[in-house]
Amino acid sequence: MLNTSCYAASEPCGDKESLSVLFENIDVLLKNIKSAISAPENYYIQIQGTGITGVYIGFFPLYLGDLLQLWSCKSAWLEKSESGTKYIYHLGGFPTSGQCWLKMYNTKTCRFESEERGSFIKYFADAHPLIGGGKTQFGLFPPPQSKIKIARLAGFKNQSNKTLKELIAEIK
């Protein structure tokens, strides 16, 4: 009998308070993106519930600096339409079949939303340079290629001890 529990991809528990602070201040953060992506203590602020969870590949956190980069360039992680601007902050799913579910925040409705789609690789390819670039294949062949020029700030091993609220107080 096959034990399928080892192939599950559960989403991380989200910190609704921190996620709310993030999206209430998204304009301030994007306006001051250089402050957030140039200093390791700002870049590596972890917000629980953000990242990538894939069956067979595991979980990869996306830090504040990663998200701001994805949202400030032409990536699949930012969607603008008549129904509002949607900031995607979590990707989960199956790289092999392409099925995915997204967690996002809609600025028009001021609500957190979830959607199921069939394009895991599209979202993963955009974030791939941030979580490992070409160093690791994550079991995908060939590795996804992104046309986006983004990179994770080097020289820092762990998440920051600074909170999002502290950063926002500094840059306001």
Protein backbone atom coordinates (compact mmCIF):
# COMPACT_ATOMS: atom_id res chain seq x y z
CA MET A 1 0.00 0.00 0.00
CA LEU A 2 1.37 3.44 -0.98
CA ASN A 3 1.79 5.93 1.84
CA THR A 4 0.70 9.19 0.20
CA SER A 5 1.16 11.30 3.33
CA CYS A 6 4.85 11.78 2.50
CA TYR A 7 3.86 13.47 -0.76
CA ALA A 8 1.57 16.09 0.73
CA ALA A 9 2.21 19.81 0.39
CA SER A 10 0.56 21.62 3.23
CA GLU A 11 0.56 25.37 3.26
CA PRO A 12 2.31 27.12 6.13
CA CYS A 13 0.17 28.73 8.79
CA GLY A 14 -0.28 32.35 7.93
CA ASP A 15 0.16 35.18 10.39
CA LYS A 16 -2.93 37.23 9.50
CA GLU A 17 -1.78 40.19 11.59
CA SER A 18 1.59 40.46 9.83
CA LEU A 19 0.01 39.84 6.44
CA SER A 20 -2.51 42.61 7.14
CA VAL A 21 0.29 45.00 8.17
CA LEU A 22 2.13 44.10 4.95
CA PHE A 23 -0.78 44.89 2.67
CA GLU A 24 -1.95 47.95 4.61
CA ASN A 25 1.53 49.38 3.98
CA ILE A 26 2.28 47.90 0.57
CA ASP A 27 2.50 51.31 -1.13
CA VAL A 28 5.00 52.60 1.45
CA LEU A 29 7.09 49.44 1.14
CA LEU A 30 7.16 49.50 -2.66
CA LYS A 31 7.95 53.23 -2.66
CA ASN A 32 10.92 52.51 -0.36
CA ILE A 33 11.94 49.21 -1.95
CA LYS A 34 15.64 50.12 -2.03
CA SER A 35 15.68 50.30 1.79
CA ALA A 36 14.05 46.90 2.02
CA ILE A 37 16.20 45.04 -0.48
CA SER A 38 19.61 46.59 0.22
CA ALA A 39 19.91 45.83 3.95
CA PRO A 40 19.90 42.18 5.09
CA GLU A 41 18.01 42.95 8.32
CA ASN A 42 15.19 44.40 6.20
CA TYR A 43 15.34 41.99 3.26
CA TYR A 44 15.14 38.84 5.39
CA ILE A 45 12.03 39.74 7.38
CA GLN A 46 9.93 36.57 7.41
CA ILE A 47 6.16 36.84 7.24
CA GLN A 48 4.53 33.57 8.20
CA GLY A 49 2.34 32.20 5.41
CA THR A 50 4.45 33.46 2.50
CA GLY A 51 6.48 31.19 0.26
CA ILE A 52 6.28 28.22 -2.06
CA THR A 53 5.09 24.75 -1.12
CA GLY A 54 5.32 22.05 -3.75
CA VAL A 55 4.74 18.34 -3.68
CA TYR A 56 8.10 16.57 -4.13
CA ILE A 57 10.07 19.82 -3.77
CA GLY A 58 9.13 20.96 -0.26
CA PHE A 59 8.77 24.43 1.22
CA PHE A 60 10.77 27.52 0.30
CA PRO A 61 10.22 30.72 2.29
CA LEU A 62 9.92 34.01 0.48
CA TYR A 63 11.19 36.91 2.54
CA LEU A 64 9.99 40.51 2.41
CA GLY A 65 12.74 41.46 -0.04
CA ASP A 66 11.82 38.54 -2.31
CA LEU A 67 8.14 39.49 -2.36
CA LEU A 68 8.84 43.16 -3.00
CA GLN A 69 11.04 42.26 -5.96
CA LEU A 70 8.40 39.93 -7.40
CA TRP A 71 5.73 42.61 -7.00
CA SER A 72 7.81 45.45 -8.42
CA CYS A 73 8.69 43.78 -11.72
CA LYS A 74 6.60 42.14 -14.41
CA SER A 75 6.09 38.82 -12.71
CA ALA A 76 3.13 36.50 -12.41
CA TRP A 77 3.07 37.29 -8.67
CA LEU A 78 1.36 40.65 -9.31
CA GLU A 79 -1.93 40.77 -11.22
CA LYS A 80 -3.62 44.01 -12.21
CA SER A 81 -7.14 43.99 -13.62
CA GLU A 82 -10.53 45.63 -13.27
CA SER A 83 -11.18 43.41 -10.26
CA GLY A 84 -8.24 44.99 -8.40
CA THR A 85 -4.54 44.53 -7.91
CA LYS A 86 -3.74 41.10 -6.52
CA TYR A 87 -0.48 40.46 -4.69
CA ILE A 88 0.29 36.74 -4.62
CA TYR A 89 2.18 35.76 -1.49
CA HIS A 90 1.96 31.95 -1.44
CA LEU A 91 2.16 29.32 -4.18
CA GLY A 92 1.31 25.72 -3.47
CA GLY A 93 0.77 22.75 -5.69
CA PHE A 94 2.12 20.04 -7.92
CA PRO A 95 5.08 20.85 -10.17
CA THR A 96 4.59 17.63 -12.13
CA SER A 97 0.94 18.20 -13.05
CA GLY A 98 0.98 21.99 -12.95
CA GLN A 99 -2.00 22.24 -10.64
CA CYS A 100 -1.55 24.99 -8.09
CA TRP A 101 -3.34 27.08 -5.53
CA LEU A 102 -2.51 30.68 -4.80
CA LYS A 103 -2.97 32.85 -1.74
CA MET A 104 -3.29 36.52 -2.59
CA TYR A 105 -4.45 39.87 -1.34
CA ASN A 106 -6.89 41.92 -3.41
CA THR A 107 -6.46 45.69 -2.94
CA LYS A 108 -9.88 46.53 -4.38
CA THR A 109 -11.82 44.34 -1.95
CA CYS A 110 -9.20 44.54 0.86
CA ARG A 111 -9.56 40.77 1.28
CA PHE A 112 -7.38 37.72 1.31
CA GLU A 113 -8.29 35.32 -1.49
CA SER A 114 -7.43 31.81 -2.65
CA GLU A 115 -7.56 30.49 -6.19
CA GLU A 116 -6.82 27.19 -7.83
CA ARG A 117 -5.12 27.27 -11.21
CA GLY A 118 -3.20 25.04 -13.58
CA SER A 119 0.08 26.92 -13.93
CA PHE A 120 2.48 26.04 -11.10
CA ILE A 121 5.59 26.37 -13.26
CA LYS A 122 4.69 29.90 -14.42
CA TYR A 123 4.73 31.20 -10.83
CA PHE A 124 7.61 28.98 -9.75
CA ALA A 125 9.78 30.11 -12.67
CA ASP A 126 9.48 33.75 -11.63
CA ALA A 127 10.50 32.97 -8.03
CA HIS A 128 13.14 30.39 -8.95
CA PRO A 129 16.06 32.88 -9.08
CA LEU A 130 15.24 33.87 -5.49
CA ILE A 131 15.10 30.40 -3.99
CA GLY A 132 18.02 28.78 -5.73
CA GLY A 133 18.38 29.92 -9.31
CA GLY A 134 20.27 27.37 -11.38
CA LYS A 135 22.06 25.80 -8.41
CA THR A 136 19.42 23.20 -7.70
CA GLN A 137 17.01 21.51 -10.05
CA PHE A 138 14.34 20.66 -7.42
CA GLY A 139 13.52 17.55 -9.42
CA LEU A 140 12.24 19.58 -12.36
CA PHE A 141 13.77 18.98 -15.76
CA PRO A 142 14.61 21.28 -17.34
CA PRO A 143 14.72 23.86 -14.55
CA PRO A 144 12.24 26.68 -15.02
CA GLN A 145 13.55 29.75 -16.80
CA SER A 146 12.51 33.22 -15.79
CA LYS A 147 13.06 36.33 -17.83
CA ILE A 148 12.97 38.42 -14.66
CA LYS A 149 16.21 39.89 -13.37
CA ILE A 150 15.87 39.45 -9.62
CA ALA A 151 18.20 37.99 -7.02
CA ARG A 152 18.23 37.30 -3.32
CA LEU A 153 20.51 39.49 -1.24
CA ALA A 154 23.67 37.50 -0.51
CA GLY A 155 25.61 37.17 2.70
CA PHE A 156 22.83 36.40 5.18
CA LYS A 157 22.09 32.95 6.51
CA ASN A 158 18.92 33.34 8.60
CA GLN A 159 15.76 35.35 8.76
CA SER A 160 15.94 38.79 10.35
CA ASN A 161 15.01 39.51 13.95
CA LYS A 162 13.45 42.79 12.83
CA THR A 163 9.70 42.89 12.52
CA LEU A 164 7.72 44.32 9.65
CA LYS A 165 6.20 46.92 11.98
CA GLU A 166 9.69 48.09 12.98
CA LEU A 167 10.73 48.48 9.35
CA ILE A 168 7.58 50.41 8.45
CA ALA A 169 8.12 52.75 11.43
CA GLU A 170 11.68 53.40 10.17
CA ILE A 171 10.74 54.20 6.58
CA LYS A 172 7.51 56.20 7.15
